[in-house]
C-alpha atoms as a PDB file:
ATOM      1  CA  UNK A   1     313.417 106.938 -50.299  1.00  0.00           C
ATOM      2  CA  UNK A   2     309.763 105.722 -49.886  1.00  0.00           C
ATOM      3  CA  UNK A   3     308.786 103.859 -46.767  1.00  0.00           C
ATOM      4  CA  UNK A   4     308.153 100.094 -47.075  1.00  0.00           C
ATOM      5  CA  UNK A   5     304.862  98.401 -46.630  1.00  0.00           C
ATOM      6  CA  UNK A   6     304.035  97.081 -43.434  1.00  0.00           C
ATOM      7  CA  UNK A   7     302.006  94.082 -41.991  1.00  0.00           C
ATOM      8  CA  UNK A   8     298.807  96.309 -42.401  1.00  0.00           C
ATOM      9  CA  UNK A   9     299.323  96.386 -45.947  1.00  0.00           C
ATOM     10  CA  UNK A  10     299.719  92.774 -46.429  1.00  0.00           C
ATOM     11  CA  UNK A  11     296.744  91.854 -44.511  1.00  0.00           C
ATOM     12  CA  UNK A  12     294.641  94.285 -46.625  1.00  0.00           C
ATOM     13  CA  UNK A  13     295.868  92.952 -50.027  1.00  0.00           C
ATOM     14  CA  UNK A  14     295.127  89.309 -48.742  1.00  0.00           C
ATOM     15  CA  UNK A  15     291.406  90.511 -47.299  1.00  0.00           C
ATOM     16  CA  UNK A  16     290.794  92.671 -50.795  1.00  0.00           C
ATOM     17  CA  UNK A  17     291.697  89.367 -52.807  1.00  0.00           C
ATOM     18  CA  UNK A  18     289.398  87.130 -50.629  1.00  0.00           C
ATOM     19  CA  UNK A  19     286.374  89.434 -50.534  1.00  0.00           C
ATOM     20  CA  UNK A  20     286.591  91.450 -53.634  1.00  0.00           C
ATOM     21  CA  UNK A  21     285.121  94.280 -52.073  1.00  0.00           C
ATOM     22  CA  UNK A  22     286.391  97.357 -49.987  1.00  0.00           C
ATOM     23  CA  UNK A  23     283.331  97.073 -47.484  1.00  0.00           C
ATOM     24  CA  UNK A  24     283.772  93.327 -46.888  1.00  0.00           C
ATOM     25  CA  UNK A  25     287.484  93.499 -46.605  1.00  0.00           C
ATOM     26  CA  UNK A  26     287.127  96.107 -44.171  1.00  0.00           C
ATOM     27  CA  UNK A  27     284.459  94.375 -42.092  1.00  0.00           C
ATOM     28  CA  UNK A  28     286.916  91.182 -42.026  1.00  0.00           C
ATOM     29  CA  UNK A  29     289.931  93.455 -40.833  1.00  0.00           C
ATOM     30  CA  UNK A  30     287.558  95.518 -38.236  1.00  0.00           C
ATOM     31  CA  UNK A  31     288.235  98.917 -39.863  1.00  0.00           C
ATOM     32  CA  UNK A  32     286.075 101.516 -41.768  1.00  0.00           C
ATOM     33  CA  UNK A  33     285.777 101.090 -45.493  1.00  0.00           C
ATOM     34  CA  UNK A  34     287.249 104.764 -45.665  1.00  0.00           C
ATOM     35  CA  UNK A  35     290.252 103.777 -43.657  1.00  0.00           C
ATOM     36  CA  UNK A  36     290.748 100.861 -45.824  1.00  0.00           C
ATOM     37  CA  UNK A  37     290.592 102.762 -48.964  1.00  0.00           C
ATOM     38  CA  UNK A  38     293.127 105.354 -47.725  1.00  0.00           C
ATOM     39  CA  UNK A  39     295.445 102.366 -46.713  1.00  0.00           C
ATOM     40  CA  UNK A  40     295.313 100.980 -50.359  1.00  0.00           C
ATOM     41  CA  UNK A  41     295.558 104.500 -51.906  1.00  0.00           C
ATOM     42  CA  UNK A  42     298.779 104.901 -49.477  1.00  0.00           C
ATOM     43  CA  UNK A  43     300.098 101.364 -50.542  1.00  0.00           C
ATOM     44  CA  UNK A  44     299.793 102.184 -54.262  1.00  0.00           C
ATOM     45  CA  UNK A  45     301.329 105.315 -53.937  1.00  0.00           C
ATOM     46  CA  UNK A  46     304.390 103.928 -51.923  1.00  0.00           C
ATOM     47  CA  UNK A  47     304.896 101.033 -54.785  1.00  0.00           C
ATOM     48  CA  UNK A  48     303.679 103.569 -57.460  1.00  0.00           C
ATOM     49  CA  UNK A  49     301.656 100.803 -59.224  1.00  0.00           C
ATOM     50  CA  UNK A  50     298.228  99.813 -59.202  1.00  0.00           C
ATOM     51  CA  UNK A  51     297.057  96.908 -56.924  1.00  0.00           C
ATOM     52  CA  UNK A  52     293.475  96.611 -57.982  1.00  0.00           C
ATOM     53  CA  UNK A  53     291.197  97.425 -60.813  1.00  0.00           C
ATOM     54  CA  UNK A  54     287.464  97.702 -60.556  1.00  0.00           C
ATOM     55  CA  UNK A  55     285.393  95.265 -62.636  1.00  0.00           C
ATOM     56  CA  UNK A  56     281.769  94.933 -62.487  1.00  0.00           C
ATOM     57  CA  UNK A  57     281.772  96.355 -58.835  1.00  0.00           C
ATOM     58  CA  UNK A  58     284.206  93.935 -57.693  1.00  0.00           C
ATOM     59  CA  UNK A  59     288.090  94.745 -57.211  1.00  0.00           C
ATOM     60  CA  UNK A  60     290.355  92.460 -59.365  1.00  0.00           C
ATOM     61  CA  UNK A  61     294.099  92.178 -58.294  1.00  0.00           C
ATOM     62  CA  UNK A  62     296.989  93.065 -60.612  1.00  0.00           C
ATOM     63  CA  UNK A  63     300.027  91.136 -60.893  1.00  0.00           C
ATOM     64  CA  UNK A  64     301.482  93.263 -58.439  1.00  0.00           C
ATOM     65  CA  UNK A  65     298.940  92.245 -55.809  1.00  0.00           C
ATOM     66  CA  UNK A  66     298.901  88.795 -56.518  1.00  0.00           C
ATOM     67  CA  UNK A  67     302.928  88.591 -56.128  1.00  0.00           C
ATOM     68  CA  UNK A  68     302.594  90.494 -52.895  1.00  0.00           C
ATOM     69  CA  UNK A  69     299.686  88.289 -51.547  1.00  0.00           C
ATOM     70  CA  UNK A  70     302.020  85.211 -52.231  1.00  0.00           C
ATOM     71  CA  UNK A  71     304.674  87.110 -49.952  1.00  0.00           C
ATOM     72  CA  UNK A  72     302.079  88.211 -47.460  1.00  0.00           C
ATOM     73  CA  UNK A  73     300.980  84.512 -47.113  1.00  0.00           C
ATOM     74  CA  UNK A  74     304.627  83.375 -46.194  1.00  0.00           C
ATOM     75  CA  UNK A  75     305.412  86.638 -43.724  1.00  0.00           C
ATOM     76  CA  UNK A  76     302.192  86.338 -41.930  1.00  0.00           C
ATOM     77  CA  UNK A  77     302.553  82.743 -41.389  1.00  0.00           C
ATOM     78  CA  UNK A  78     306.269  83.096 -40.148  1.00  0.00           C
ATOM     79  CA  UNK A  79     305.019  85.839 -37.704  1.00  0.00           C
ATOM     80  CA  UNK A  80     302.245  83.728 -36.547  1.00  0.00           C
ATOM     81  CA  UNK A  81     304.743  80.807 -35.857  1.00  0.00           C
ATOM     82  CA  UNK A  82     307.197  82.997 -34.303  1.00  0.00           C
ATOM     83  CA  UNK A  83     304.435  84.276 -31.633  1.00  0.00           C
ATOM     84  CA  UNK A  84     303.470  80.553 -31.107  1.00  0.00           C
ATOM     85  CA  UNK A  85     307.221  79.936 -30.530  1.00  0.00           C
ATOM     86  CA  UNK A  86     307.483  82.828 -28.065  1.00  0.00           C
ATOM     87  CA  UNK A  87     304.222  81.401 -26.292  1.00  0.00           C
ATOM     88  CA  UNK A  88     305.888  78.120 -25.890  1.00  0.00           C
ATOM     89  CA  UNK A  89     309.509  79.447 -24.459  1.00  0.00           C
ATOM     90  CA  UNK A  90     307.185  81.285 -21.811  1.00  0.00           C
ATOM     91  CA  UNK A  91     305.780  77.949 -21.202  1.00  0.00           C
ATOM     92  CA  UNK A  92     309.273  76.112 -20.536  1.00  0.00           C
ATOM     93  CA  UNK A  93     309.983  75.511 -24.194  1.00  0.00           C
ATOM     94  CA  UNK A  94     313.183  76.540 -25.536  1.00  0.00           C
ATOM     95  CA  UNK A  95     313.245  75.066 -28.893  1.00  0.00           C
ATOM     96  CA  UNK A  96     310.651  74.246 -31.525  1.00  0.00           C
ATOM     97  CA  UNK A  97     311.240  71.854 -34.204  1.00  0.00           C
ATOM     98  CA  UNK A  98     309.146  71.781 -37.225  1.00  0.00           C
ATOM     99  CA  UNK A  99     308.541  68.270 -38.968  1.00  0.00           C
ATOM    100  CA  UNK A 100     306.680  67.057 -41.843  1.00  0.00           C
ATOM    101  CA  UNK A 101     305.979  63.434 -43.564  1.00  0.00           C
ATOM    102  CA  UNK A 102     306.106  62.969 -47.231  1.00  0.00           C
ATOM    103  CA  UNK A 103     302.956  61.778 -48.854  1.00  0.00           C
ATOM    104  CA  UNK A 104     301.463  60.341 -45.985  1.00  0.00           C
ATOM    105  CA  UNK A 105     299.405  61.884 -43.216  1.00  0.00           C
ATOM    106  CA  UNK A 106     299.266  58.946 -40.950  1.00  0.00           C
ATOM    107  CA  UNK A 107     299.811  60.356 -37.485  1.00  0.00           C
ATOM    108  CA  UNK A 108     298.553  57.685 -35.273  1.00  0.00           C
ATOM    109  CA  UNK A 109     302.228  57.405 -33.920  1.00  0.00           C
ATOM    110  CA  UNK A 110     302.442  61.041 -32.679  1.00  0.00           C
ATOM    111  CA  UNK A 111     301.167  61.056 -29.337  1.00  0.00           C
ATOM    112  CA  UNK A 112     303.370  57.959 -28.396  1.00  0.00           C
ATOM    113  CA  UNK A 113     306.337  59.709 -29.954  1.00  0.00           C
ATOM    114  CA  UNK A 114     305.582  62.928 -28.106  1.00  0.00           C
ATOM    115  CA  UNK A 115     305.786  61.073 -24.722  1.00  0.00           C
ATOM    116  CA  UNK A 116     308.913  59.752 -25.829  1.00  0.00           C
ATOM    117  CA  UNK A 117     310.393  62.717 -26.512  1.00  0.00           C
ATOM    118  CA  UNK A 118     309.185  64.709 -23.602  1.00  0.00           C
ATOM    119  CA  UNK A 119     310.648  61.960 -21.469  1.00  0.00           C
ATOM    120  CA  UNK A 120     314.183  62.858 -22.775  1.00  0.00           C
ATOM    121  CA  UNK A 121     314.043  66.358 -23.467  1.00  0.00           C
ATOM    122  CA  UNK A 122     311.371  68.514 -21.921  1.00  0.00           C
ATOM    123  CA  UNK A 123     312.473  71.498 -23.584  1.00  0.00           C
ATOM    124  CA  UNK A 124     312.144  70.747 -27.070  1.00  0.00           C
ATOM    125  CA  UNK A 125     308.538  70.942 -28.481  1.00  0.00           C
ATOM    126  CA  UNK A 126     307.753  69.136 -31.935  1.00  0.00           C
ATOM    127  CA  UNK A 127     305.241  70.792 -34.558  1.00  0.00           C
ATOM    128  CA  UNK A 128     303.640  68.972 -37.366  1.00  0.00           C
ATOM    129  CA  UNK A 129     303.567  71.104 -40.699  1.00  0.00           C
ATOM    130  CA  UNK A 130     301.427  69.337 -43.144  1.00  0.00           C
ATOM    131  CA  UNK A 131     301.971  72.097 -45.707  1.00  0.00           C
ATOM    132  CA  UNK A 132     305.463  70.254 -46.236  1.00  0.00           C
ATOM    133  CA  UNK A 133     304.160  66.715 -47.259  1.00  0.00           C
ATOM    134  CA  UNK A 134     303.825  67.411 -51.096  1.00  0.00           C
ATOM    135  CA  UNK A 135     307.750  68.736 -51.470  1.00  0.00           C
ATOM    136  CA  UNK A 136     309.313  68.019 -48.204  1.00  0.00           C
ATOM    137  CA  UNK A 137     312.764  68.461 -49.273  1.00  0.00           C
ATOM    138  CA  UNK A 138     311.994  71.758 -51.158  1.00  0.00           C
ATOM    139  CA  UNK A 139     310.325  72.592 -47.695  1.00  0.00           C
ATOM    140  CA  UNK A 140     313.406  71.728 -45.910  1.00  0.00           C
ATOM    141  CA  UNK A 141     315.907  73.673 -47.697  1.00  0.00           C
ATOM    142  CA  UNK A 142     313.540  76.529 -47.960  1.00  0.00           C
ATOM    143  CA  UNK A 143     313.301  76.425 -43.948  1.00  0.00           C
ATOM    144  CA  UNK A 144     309.661  76.115 -43.682  1.00  0.00           C
ATOM    145  CA  UNK A 145     310.329  72.997 -41.955  1.00  0.00           C
ATOM    146  CA  UNK A 146     313.333  71.348 -39.831  1.00  0.00           C
ATOM    147  CA  UNK A 147     312.949  67.813 -40.484  1.00  0.00           C
ATOM    148  CA  UNK A 148     311.420  65.886 -43.276  1.00  0.00           C
ATOM    149  CA  UNK A 149     310.457  62.074 -43.069  1.00  0.00           C
ATOM    150  CA  UNK A 150     310.921  61.034 -46.512  1.00  0.00           C
ATOM    151  CA  UNK A 151     311.128  57.649 -48.279  1.00  0.00           C
ATOM    152  CA  UNK A 152     313.205  55.845 -50.529  1.00  0.00           C
ATOM    153  CA  UNK A 153     316.302  56.781 -52.086  1.00  0.00           C
ATOM    154  CA  UNK A 154     317.116  60.627 -51.728  1.00  0.00           C
ATOM    155  CA  UNK A 155     319.980  62.696 -53.273  1.00  0.00           C
ATOM    156  CA  UNK A 156     320.293  66.129 -52.538  1.00  0.00           C
ATOM    157  CA  UNK A 157     323.203  68.467 -51.691  1.00  0.00           C
ATOM    158  CA  UNK A 158     323.143  69.814 -48.325  1.00  0.00           C
ATOM    159  CA  UNK A 159     320.977  67.332 -46.716  1.00  0.00           C
ATOM    160  CA  UNK A 160     321.775  64.360 -44.388  1.00  0.00           C
ATOM    161  CA  UNK A 161     319.574  61.235 -43.731  1.00  0.00           C
ATOM    162  CA  UNK A 162     319.144  59.475 -40.597  1.00  0.00           C
ATOM    163  CA  UNK A 163     317.480  56.054 -41.401  1.00  0.00           C
ATOM    164  CA  UNK A 164     314.309  55.559 -39.627  1.00  0.00           C
ATOM    165  CA  UNK A 165     312.914  51.994 -40.489  1.00  0.00           C
ATOM    166  CA  UNK A 166     312.120  49.791 -43.344  1.00  0.00           C
ATOM    167  CA  UNK A 167     308.514  48.898 -44.594  1.00  0.00           C
ATOM    168  CA  UNK A 168     307.433  46.642 -47.072  1.00  0.00           C
ATOM    169  CA  UNK A 169     305.345  47.605 -50.315  1.00  0.00           C
ATOM    170  CA  UNK A 170     301.855  45.654 -50.395  1.00  0.00           C
ATOM    171  CA  UNK A 171     299.653  45.214 -53.276  1.00  0.00           C
ATOM    172  CA  UNK A 172     296.243  45.949 -52.060  1.00  0.00           C
ATOM    173  CA  UNK A 173     292.595  44.820 -52.790  1.00  0.00           C
ATOM    174  CA  UNK A 174     289.203  44.762 -51.885  1.00  0.00           C
ATOM    175  CA  UNK A 175     288.122  41.491 -49.706  1.00  0.00           C
ATOM    176  CA  UNK A 176     287.384  38.353 -51.875  1.00  0.00           C
ATOM    177  CA  UNK A 177     289.613  39.346 -54.590  1.00  0.00           C
ATOM    178  CA  UNK A 178     290.783  36.591 -56.419  1.00  0.00           C
ATOM    179  CA  UNK A 179     294.538  37.232 -55.426  1.00  0.00           C
ATOM    180  CA  UNK A 180     294.017  37.962 -51.671  1.00  0.00           C
ATOM    181  CA  UNK A 181     295.366  34.536 -50.639  1.00  0.00           C
ATOM    182  CA  UNK A 182     298.758  34.561 -52.351  1.00  0.00           C
ATOM    183  CA  UNK A 183     301.717  34.669 -50.502  1.00  0.00           C
ATOM    184  CA  UNK A 184     303.411  37.331 -52.678  1.00  0.00           C
ATOM    185  CA  UNK A 185     302.509  38.966 -55.876  1.00  0.00           C
ATOM    186  CA  UNK A 186     304.733  38.964 -59.126  1.00  0.00           C
ATOM    187  CA  UNK A 187     304.182  41.218 -62.090  1.00  0.00           C
ATOM    188  CA  UNK A 188     302.462  38.399 -64.093  1.00  0.00           C
ATOM    189  CA  UNK A 189     299.785  38.094 -61.522  1.00  0.00           C
ATOM    190  CA  UNK A 190     298.444  41.537 -62.098  1.00  0.00           C
ATOM    191  CA  UNK A 191     298.285  42.068 -65.709  1.00  0.00           C
ATOM    192  CA  UNK A 192     295.259  44.017 -66.549  1.00  0.00           C
ATOM    193  CA  UNK A 193     294.317  44.479 -62.962  1.00  0.00           C
ATOM    194  CA  UNK A 194     292.545  47.988 -62.680  1.00  0.00           C
ATOM    195  CA  UNK A 195     295.245  49.801 -61.102  1.00  0.00           C
ATOM    196  CA  UNK A 196     295.104  53.349 -58.826  1.00  0.00           C
ATOM    197  CA  UNK A 197     298.428  55.031 -58.543  1.00  0.00           C
ATOM    198  CA  UNK A 198     299.739  57.893 -56.891  1.00  0.00           C
ATOM    199  CA  UNK A 199     302.250  58.871 -59.314  1.00  0.00           C
ATOM    200  CA  UNK A 200     303.139  57.570 -62.836  1.00  0.00           C
ATOM    201  CA  UNK A 201     306.630  59.035 -62.755  1.00  0.00           C
ATOM    202  CA  UNK A 202     308.756  55.943 -62.109  1.00  0.00           C
ATOM    203  CA  UNK A 203     311.036  55.670 -58.904  1.00  0.00           C
ATOM    204  CA  UNK A 204     314.073  53.559 -58.978  1.00  0.00           C
ATOM    205  CA  UNK A 205     312.963  51.895 -55.682  1.00  0.00           C
ATOM    206  CA  UNK A 206     309.319  51.176 -56.270  1.00  0.00           C
ATOM    207  CA  UNK A 207     307.051  48.902 -57.923  1.00  0.00           C
ATOM    208  CA  UNK A 208     307.358  50.307 -61.452  1.00  0.00           C
ATOM    209  CA  UNK A 209     310.905  49.864 -61.590  1.00  0.00           C
ATOM    210  CA  UNK A 210     311.252  46.646 -59.638  1.00  0.00           C
ATOM    211  CA  UNK A 211     308.003  45.078 -60.381  1.00  0.00           C
ATOM    212  CA  UNK A 212     306.421  45.976 -63.545  1.00  0.00           C
ATOM    213  CA  UNK A 213     309.327  46.803 -65.968  1.00  0.00           C
ATOM    214  CA  UNK A 214     311.583  43.729 -64.805  1.00  0.00           C
ATOM    215  CA  UNK A 215     308.941  41.334 -66.378  1.00  0.00           C
ATOM    216  CA  UNK A 216     307.368  43.908 -68.705  1.00  0.00           C
ATOM    217  CA  UNK A 217     304.101  43.004 -67.313  1.00  0.00           C
ATOM    218  CA  UNK A 218     301.696  46.126 -66.322  1.00  0.00           C
ATOM    219  CA  UNK A 219     298.533  46.776 -64.611  1.00  0.00           C
ATOM    220  CA  UNK A 220     295.709  48.542 -66.430  1.00  0.00           C
ATOM    221  CA  UNK A 221     296.176  52.165 -65.147  1.00  0.00           C
ATOM    222  CA  UNK A 222     292.959  53.389 -64.083  1.00  0.00           C
ATOM    223  CA  UNK A 223     293.659  56.845 -62.306  1.00  0.00           C
ATOM    224  CA  UNK A 224     296.350  58.755 -60.366  1.00  0.00           C
ATOM    225  CA  UNK A 225     295.216  59.808 -57.048  1.00  0.00           C
ATOM    226  CA  UNK A 226     297.908  61.666 -54.750  1.00  0.00           C
ATOM    227  CA  UNK A 227     296.277  60.890 -51.472  1.00  0.00           C
ATOM    228  CA  UNK A 228     296.804  57.608 -49.764  1.00  0.00           C
ATOM    229  CA  UNK A 229     293.794  57.703 -47.693  1.00  0.00           C
ATOM    230  CA  UNK A 230     291.920  57.998 -50.929  1.00  0.00           C
ATOM    231  CA  UNK A 231     293.326  55.392 -52.611  1.00  0.00           C
ATOM    232  CA  UNK A 232     292.549  53.136 -49.686  1.00  0.00           C
ATOM    233  CA  UNK A 233     288.736  54.019 -49.903  1.00  0.00           C
ATOM    234  CA  UNK A 234     288.648  53.409 -53.723  1.00  0.00           C
ATOM    235  CA  UNK A 235     290.224  49.933 -53.133  1.00  0.00           C
ATOM    236  CA  UNK A 236     287.861  49.055 -50.378  1.00  0.00           C
ATOM    237  CA  UNK A 237     285.079  50.326 -52.266  1.00  0.00           C
ATOM    238  CA  UNK A 238     286.165  47.643 -55.174  1.00  0.00           C
ATOM    239  CA  UNK A 239     286.962  50.393 -57.510  1.00  0.00           C
ATOM    240  CA  UNK A 240     290.709  49.101 -57.979  1.00  0.00           C
ATOM    241  CA  UNK A 241     293.944  47.980 -56.706  1.00  0.00           C
ATOM    242  CA  UNK A 242     297.008  49.775 -55.793  1.00  0.00           C
ATOM    243  CA  UNK A 243     300.506  49.544 -54.099  1.00  0.00           C
ATOM    244  CA  UNK A 244     301.242  51.307 -51.012  1.00  0.00           C
ATOM    245  CA  UNK A 245     303.867  51.187 -48.140  1.00  0.00           C
ATOM    246  CA  UNK A 246     302.482  49.194 -45.357  1.00  0.00           C
ATOM    247  CA  UNK A 247     302.828  51.891 -42.897  1.00  0.00           C
ATOM    248  CA  UNK A 248     299.846  53.730 -44.627  1.00  0.00           C
ATOM    249  CA  UNK A 249     297.694  50.842 -44.428  1.00  0.00           C
ATOM    250  CA  UNK A 250     297.538  49.478 -41.123  1.00  0.00           C
ATOM    251  CA  UNK A 251     294.208  50.909 -39.871  1.00  0.00           C
ATOM    252  CA  UNK A 252     292.360  49.789 -43.012  1.00  0.00           C
ATOM    253  CA  UNK A 253     294.132  46.312 -42.828  1.00  0.00           C
ATOM    254  CA  UNK A 254     293.006  46.056 -39.276  1.00  0.00           C
ATOM    255  CA  UNK A 255     289.722  46.597 -39.911  1.00  0.00           C
ATOM    256  CA  UNK A 256     289.450  43.871 -42.547  1.00  0.00           C
ATOM    257  CA  UNK A 257     288.334  46.603 -45.203  1.00  0.00           C
ATOM    258  CA  UNK A 258     291.200  45.867 -47.621  1.00  0.00           C
ATOM    259  CA  UNK A 259     293.879  42.801 -48.128  1.00  0.00           C
ATOM    260  CA  UNK A 260     297.305  43.380 -48.560  1.00  0.00           C
ATOM    261  CA  UNK A 261     299.993  40.858 -49.986  1.00  0.00           C
ATOM    262  CA  UNK A 262     303.746  41.530 -50.266  1.00  0.00           C
ATOM    263  CA  UNK A 263     305.407  41.916 -53.781  1.00  0.00           C
ATOM    264  CA  UNK A 264     307.445  39.216 -54.807  1.00  0.00           C
ATOM    265  CA  UNK A 265     309.124  36.527 -52.942  1.00  0.00           C
ATOM    266  CA  UNK A 266     311.954  38.358 -51.623  1.00  0.00           C
ATOM    267  CA  UNK A 267     309.615  41.620 -50.927  1.00  0.00           C
ATOM    268  CA  UNK A 268     310.081  44.992 -51.822  1.00  0.00           C
ATOM    269  CA  UNK A 269     311.002  47.150 -48.887  1.00  0.00           C
ATOM    270  CA  UNK A 270     311.189  51.300 -48.807  1.00  0.00           C
ATOM    271  CA  UNK A 271     313.665  52.835 -46.315  1.00  0.00           C
ATOM    272  CA  UNK A 272     312.212  55.829 -44.402  1.00  0.00           C
ATOM    273  CA  UNK A 273     314.503  58.597 -43.045  1.00  0.00           C
ATOM    274  CA  UNK A 274     314.473  61.717 -41.321  1.00  0.00           C
ATOM    275  CA  UNK A 275     316.242  64.393 -43.500  1.00  0.00           C
ATOM    276  CA  UNK A 276     317.809  67.505 -42.230  1.00  0.00           C
ATOM    277  CA  UNK A 277     319.932  70.188 -43.210  1.00  0.00           C
ATOM    278  CA  UNK A 278     323.932  69.677 -42.969  1.00  0.00           C
ATOM    279  CA  UNK A 279     324.125  72.770 -40.954  1.00  0.00           C
ATOM    280  CA  UNK A 280     321.882  71.534 -38.400  1.00  0.00           C
ATOM    281  CA  UNK A 281     323.979  68.467 -37.775  1.00  0.00           C
ATOM    282  CA  UNK A 282     325.740  70.017 -34.883  1.00  0.00           C
ATOM    283  CA  UNK A 283     325.978  67.771 -31.585  1.00  0.00           C
ATOM    284  CA  UNK A 284     323.713  69.562 -29.372  1.00  0.00           C
ATOM    285  CA  UNK A 285     321.402  70.927 -32.095  1.00  0.00           C
ATOM    286  CA  UNK A 286     317.912  70.377 -31.173  1.00  0.00           C
ATOM    287  CA  UNK A 287     316.948  69.304 -34.681  1.00  0.00           C
ATOM    288  CA  UNK A 288     319.581  66.720 -34.808  1.00  0.00           C
ATOM    289  CA  UNK A 289     318.357  65.487 -31.310  1.00  0.00           C
ATOM    290  CA  UNK A 290     314.828  65.161 -32.355  1.00  0.00           C
ATOM    291  CA  UNK A 291     315.936  63.231 -35.683  1.00  0.00           C
ATOM    292  CA  UNK A 292     318.260  60.922 -33.648  1.00  0.00           C
ATOM    293  CA  UNK A 293     315.588  60.107 -31.022  1.00  0.00           C
ATOM    294  CA  UNK A 294     312.847  59.159 -33.495  1.00  0.00           C
ATOM    295  CA  UNK A 295     315.506  57.045 -35.123  1.00  0.00           C
ATOM    296  CA  UNK A 296     316.070  55.309 -31.491  1.00  0.00           C
ATOM    297  CA  UNK A 297     312.325  55.357 -30.952  1.00  0.00           C
ATOM    298  CA  UNK A 298     311.703  53.639 -34.384  1.00  0.00           C
ATOM    299  CA  UNK A 299     314.097  50.815 -33.111  1.00  0.00           C
ATOM    300  CA  UNK A 300     312.131  50.032 -30.096  1.00  0.00           C
ATOM    301  CA  UNK A 301     310.252  46.677 -30.054  1.00  0.00           C
ATOM    302  CA  UNK A 302     306.773  47.090 -30.919  1.00  0.00           C
ATOM    303  CA  UNK A 303     306.950  50.831 -31.505  1.00  0.00           C
ATOM    304  CA  UNK A 304     307.867  52.918 -34.089  1.00  0.00           C
ATOM    305  CA  UNK A 305     306.256  55.281 -37.279  1.00  0.00           C
ATOM    306  CA  UNK A 306     305.490  52.002 -38.752  1.00  0.00           C
ATOM    307  CA  UNK A 307     303.188  50.883 -36.091  1.00  0.00           C
ATOM    308  CA  UNK A 308     299.670  51.930 -36.106  1.00  0.00           C
END
C-alpha cells in the first residue's frame, strides 16, 4: 500500500499553484528548489498521476492538482482553527462556537454581545466566520460553522431555528428623493424607479412577493449587487434605490446619507433566527447556549443585533 500525502505535500501544491514556479514556491515555503522538486516527484509517484505540466517556463496544474488544492484549503484551514482552539483552551476557553451571518456584514453589535456572553459563560468563545455568509445553511450542514444567523422563512431538514428579532424592510433612497417624506411606500409609488437588488430570485417573504407581485407594479431593474454595503453606497450617490432590512442600514440612516421608508401601511418585516443543527440542541451543548443567549440579548430593551 502506497503512503498517503502529508501536509507538506498539500502546502507544496498550494504554493506551486499560487506562484507557478518551483523557485518562487520554494522561497515561499522556506525550502530549497531541489528539495521542493523532490517533494513534487514524491507526491506524483505516490499518486501515480502528474500534478503539474510545464508551459512557457511556468507550471500549470492538472485537474488532480486543482482538486487537491481545494482539499488542501479545507484541511489546512481546519488545522489552523484547531490550533487556535487549543490556544484558547489553554487560556481558559473550553468551547469555541463558530458563527456566520447571512448576507450582511454588520457587526457593530458584536462587542456588546461578547461582553454579555462573557458575563454569562466565560468558558465559551465566539468566532466569526465570514466565509459562511453567502450560503450559511450549507456551511452549517457541512460543519464549517456552528450557528448561522439567517433571515426569513427557512425550511431544511436537520436544523432548528431559534428566533432572534423581527426587522422591517425599508425602501431606501438618496436624500432629497421625491418619496422621502412618505409615511410608507406602496408598489405604485415606485413604478419605473431605478432599482438595485441583491437578488432577482423571488422569496415568499420579501418585497418581490409581498409588494411588487400583488399589485403588478415593478421598479426599473438597474443592477444586481450582492453586497448590502455596496448597495447603500450606490443609493447614497443617487445611482438608484433599493429595499433592504433596516438592520443593515442603521449607520447610513443615522449619518443622513440615505433615507428609509417602510413598505406598505402594515409594514413588511423579516424574522431573523439562529439556525443550528438538531444534534446540537442538547440542553448543555455550548452551541445551543450561545444561540439562546443571543435570543435573550436581542430581547433586552435597546439591545440586540438590530440596534447599531
